[in-house]
N, C-alpha and C. Protein backbone atom coordinates (compact mmCIF):
# COMPACT_ATOMS: atom_id res chain seq x y z
N UNK A 1 8.12 0.97 -2.10
CA UNK A 1 6.82 1.83 -3.13
C UNK A 1 6.62 3.09 -2.98
N UNK A 2 6.20 3.77 -3.65
CA UNK A 2 5.60 5.50 -3.18
C UNK A 2 4.31 4.99 -3.41
N UNK A 3 3.94 5.88 -2.51
CA UNK A 3 1.83 6.26 -2.85
C UNK A 3 1.95 7.66 -2.41
N UNK A 4 1.42 8.44 -3.37
CA UNK A 4 1.08 9.72 -3.19
C UNK A 4 -1.01 10.00 -3.30
N UNK A 5 -1.48 10.99 -2.38
CA UNK A 5 -2.44 11.53 -2.49
C UNK A 5 -2.44 12.95 -2.38
N UNK A 6 -3.55 13.59 -3.19
CA UNK A 6 -3.79 15.08 -2.92
C UNK A 6 -5.45 15.09 -2.57
N UNK A 7 -5.54 15.73 -1.35
CA UNK A 7 -6.86 16.05 -0.65
C UNK A 7 -6.98 17.38 -0.79
N UNK A 8 -8.24 18.16 -1.02
CA UNK A 8 -8.40 19.43 -0.84
C UNK A 8 -9.41 19.56 0.27
N UNK A 9 -9.07 20.20 0.84
CA UNK A 9 -10.10 20.36 1.92
C UNK A 9 -10.53 22.03 2.12
N UNK A 10 -11.78 22.21 3.19
CA UNK A 10 -12.04 23.58 3.29
C UNK A 10 -11.67 24.02 5.03
N UNK A 11 -10.54 24.88 5.04
CA UNK A 11 -10.33 25.04 6.27
C UNK A 11 -10.80 26.41 6.28
N UNK A 12 -11.97 26.84 7.14
CA UNK A 12 -12.48 28.21 6.86
C UNK A 12 -11.30 29.53 7.05
N UNK A 13 -11.29 29.95 6.71
CA UNK A 13 -12.00 30.96 5.50
C UNK A 13 -11.44 29.91 4.06
N UNK A 14 -10.22 29.38 4.03
CA UNK A 14 -9.22 28.70 2.98
C UNK A 14 -9.37 27.63 2.30
N UNK A 15 -9.39 27.12 0.96
CA UNK A 15 -9.31 25.87 0.43
C UNK A 15 -7.99 25.55 0.23
N UNK A 16 -7.72 24.25 0.69
CA UNK A 16 -6.39 23.96 0.81
C UNK A 16 -6.19 22.65 0.01
N UNK A 17 -4.93 22.83 -0.34
CA UNK A 17 -4.47 21.40 -0.96
C UNK A 17 -3.53 20.61 -0.21
N UNK A 18 -3.47 19.54 0.46
CA UNK A 18 -2.57 18.61 0.71
C UNK A 18 -1.86 17.54 0.22
N UNK A 19 -1.03 17.62 0.17
CA UNK A 19 -0.03 16.62 -0.57
C UNK A 19 0.72 15.45 0.34
N UNK A 20 0.29 14.34 0.06
CA UNK A 20 1.14 13.29 0.70
C UNK A 20 1.60 12.46 0.22
N UNK A 21 3.06 12.05 0.67
CA UNK A 21 4.21 11.07 0.13
C UNK A 21 4.25 10.13 1.00
N UNK A 22 3.88 8.76 0.61
CA UNK A 22 4.64 7.43 1.77
C UNK A 22 5.81 6.82 0.66
N UNK A 23 6.62 6.58 1.47
CA UNK A 23 8.18 5.96 0.82
C UNK A 23 8.43 5.11 2.07
N UNK A 24 7.74 3.60 1.99
CA UNK A 24 7.89 2.63 2.95
C UNK A 24 7.42 3.39 4.16
N UNK A 25 8.86 3.49 5.42
CA UNK A 25 8.13 3.93 6.20
C UNK A 25 8.13 5.37 6.55
N UNK A 26 8.85 6.23 5.37
CA UNK A 26 8.89 7.27 5.70
C UNK A 26 7.45 8.05 5.13
N UNK A 27 7.09 9.07 5.59
CA UNK A 27 5.62 10.12 5.63
C UNK A 27 6.26 11.30 5.21
N UNK A 28 5.62 11.99 3.75
CA UNK A 28 6.47 13.70 3.80
C UNK A 28 4.53 14.43 3.78
N UNK A 29 4.57 15.38 3.52
CA UNK A 29 3.15 16.07 3.51
C UNK A 29 3.73 17.67 3.22
N UNK A 30 3.11 18.26 2.28
CA UNK A 30 3.01 19.48 1.91
C UNK A 30 1.83 19.98 2.02
N UNK A 31 1.70 21.41 2.23
CA UNK A 31 -0.06 22.27 2.14
C UNK A 31 0.10 23.63 1.33
N UNK A 32 -0.61 23.62 0.33
CA UNK A 32 -1.13 24.64 -0.45
C UNK A 32 -2.28 25.51 -0.27
N UNK A 33 -2.11 26.42 0.05
CA UNK A 33 -3.37 27.41 0.27
C UNK A 33 -3.93 27.72 -1.20
N UNK A 34 -5.24 27.49 -1.44
CA UNK A 34 -5.44 27.86 -2.91
C UNK A 34 -6.70 29.13 -2.46
N UNK A 35 -6.99 29.52 -1.88
CA UNK A 35 -7.76 30.96 -2.02
C UNK A 35 -8.87 30.76 -0.99
N UNK A 36 -10.00 31.57 -1.31
CA UNK A 36 -11.33 31.64 -0.59
C UNK A 36 -12.50 31.19 -1.42
N UNK A 37 -12.45 30.79 -2.52
CA UNK A 37 -13.31 30.35 -4.00
C UNK A 37 -12.83 28.80 -4.05
N UNK A 38 -13.88 28.09 -4.54
CA UNK A 38 -13.48 26.49 -4.70
C UNK A 38 -12.51 26.69 -5.64
N UNK A 39 -11.47 25.83 -5.75
CA UNK A 39 -10.62 25.66 -6.67
C UNK A 39 -11.68 24.59 -7.89
N UNK A 40 -10.92 24.59 -9.25
CA UNK A 40 -11.41 23.99 -10.13
C UNK A 40 -10.90 23.21 -10.69
N UNK A 41 -10.95 22.17 -11.62
CA UNK A 41 -10.00 21.17 -12.26
C UNK A 41 -8.83 21.97 -12.87
N UNK A 42 -9.17 23.13 -13.62
CA UNK A 42 -7.79 23.52 -14.29
C UNK A 42 -6.72 24.03 -13.67
N UNK A 43 -7.15 24.20 -12.22
CA UNK A 43 -6.63 25.20 -11.40
C UNK A 43 -5.68 24.11 -10.78
N UNK A 44 -6.26 23.20 -10.01
CA UNK A 44 -5.80 21.80 -9.76
C UNK A 44 -4.51 21.15 -10.73
N UNK A 45 -5.28 20.89 -11.83
CA UNK A 45 -4.52 20.31 -13.05
C UNK A 45 -3.08 20.81 -12.69
N UNK A 46 -3.15 21.92 -13.08
CA UNK A 46 -1.81 22.96 -13.39
C UNK A 46 -1.06 23.38 -12.24
N UNK A 47 -1.80 22.91 -11.09
CA UNK A 47 -0.58 23.02 -9.53
C UNK A 47 -0.03 21.72 -9.81
N UNK A 48 -0.41 20.48 -9.70
CA UNK A 48 -0.18 19.27 -10.06
C UNK A 48 1.16 19.22 -10.77
N UNK A 49 0.85 19.96 -12.25
CA UNK A 49 1.37 19.61 -13.41
C UNK A 49 2.84 20.48 -13.19
N UNK A 50 2.34 21.42 -12.48
CA UNK A 50 3.77 22.51 -13.03
C UNK A 50 4.64 23.13 -11.50
N UNK A 51 3.70 22.86 -10.60
CA UNK A 51 4.21 23.35 -9.21
C UNK A 51 4.62 22.26 -8.30
N UNK A 52 4.25 20.93 -8.78
CA UNK A 52 4.75 19.87 -7.64
C UNK A 52 6.15 19.81 -7.31
N UNK A 53 6.91 20.31 -8.27
CA UNK A 53 8.56 20.12 -7.96
C UNK A 53 8.91 21.04 -7.08
N UNK A 54 8.13 22.28 -7.15
CA UNK A 54 8.58 23.46 -6.34
C UNK A 54 7.87 23.13 -4.64
N UNK A 55 7.03 21.99 -4.40
CA UNK A 55 6.80 22.32 -3.14
C UNK A 55 7.74 21.63 -2.34
N UNK A 56 7.18 22.30 -1.06
CA UNK A 56 8.53 21.88 0.20
C UNK A 56 7.83 20.79 1.08
N UNK A 57 7.91 20.00 1.02
CA UNK A 57 7.45 18.36 1.69
C UNK A 57 8.28 18.42 3.24
N UNK A 58 7.55 17.84 4.08
CA UNK A 58 7.90 17.91 5.62
C UNK A 58 8.08 16.18 5.62
N UNK A 59 8.87 15.69 6.18
CA UNK A 59 9.28 14.50 6.69
C UNK A 59 8.91 13.96 8.22
N UNK A 60 7.96 12.84 8.13
CA UNK A 60 7.97 12.82 9.43
C UNK A 60 7.77 11.18 9.46
N UNK A 61 8.05 10.38 10.44
CA UNK A 61 8.21 8.82 10.08
C UNK A 61 6.60 8.19 10.93
N UNK A 62 6.24 7.07 9.62
CA UNK A 62 4.91 6.68 10.69
C UNK A 62 5.27 5.14 11.49
N UNK A 63 4.05 5.74 12.30
CA UNK A 63 4.14 4.51 13.34
C UNK A 63 3.04 3.61 13.11
N UNK A 64 3.29 2.27 13.72
CA UNK A 64 2.38 1.53 13.36
C UNK A 64 1.27 1.94 14.35
N UNK A 65 -0.03 1.61 13.82
CA UNK A 65 -1.27 1.81 14.41
C UNK A 65 -1.76 0.45 15.45
N UNK A 66 -1.74 0.35 16.59
CA UNK A 66 -2.11 -0.89 17.42
C UNK A 66 -3.58 -0.88 16.66
N UNK A 67 -3.70 -2.55 16.43
CA UNK A 67 -4.91 -3.13 15.85
C UNK A 67 -5.64 -3.87 16.94
N UNK A 68 -6.90 -3.21 17.23
CA UNK A 68 -7.91 -4.10 17.95
C UNK A 68 -8.84 -4.94 17.43
N UNK A 69 -8.49 -6.10 17.96
CA UNK A 69 -9.74 -6.97 17.68
C UNK A 69 -10.91 -6.91 18.55
N UNK A 70 -11.79 -7.43 17.97
CA UNK A 70 -13.01 -7.46 18.24
C UNK A 70 -13.87 -9.09 18.44
N UNK A 71 -13.99 -9.08 19.57
CA UNK A 71 -14.92 -10.35 20.16
C UNK A 71 -16.04 -10.24 19.42
N UNK A 72 -16.21 -11.55 18.65
CA UNK A 72 -17.59 -11.37 17.82
C UNK A 72 -18.29 -11.96 18.63
N UNK A 73 -18.53 -12.34 19.59
CA UNK A 73 -19.63 -13.12 20.75
C UNK A 73 -20.65 -11.97 21.55
């Protein structure tokens, strides 16, 4: 199963788009600088629809996080 996510963050002084893609145990990430002004929906949709295929994704592996069980007492 392939999952994807797009997160827009403000990392002073720029807004950045973080594209994440998960394919099984492989994790891919790409980043795009959007500029200093807040991006609007038409700009984001244009980037996803027309520039997504040109993004450079970097691959890492996913390590399972250790689950901590809390004693209810």
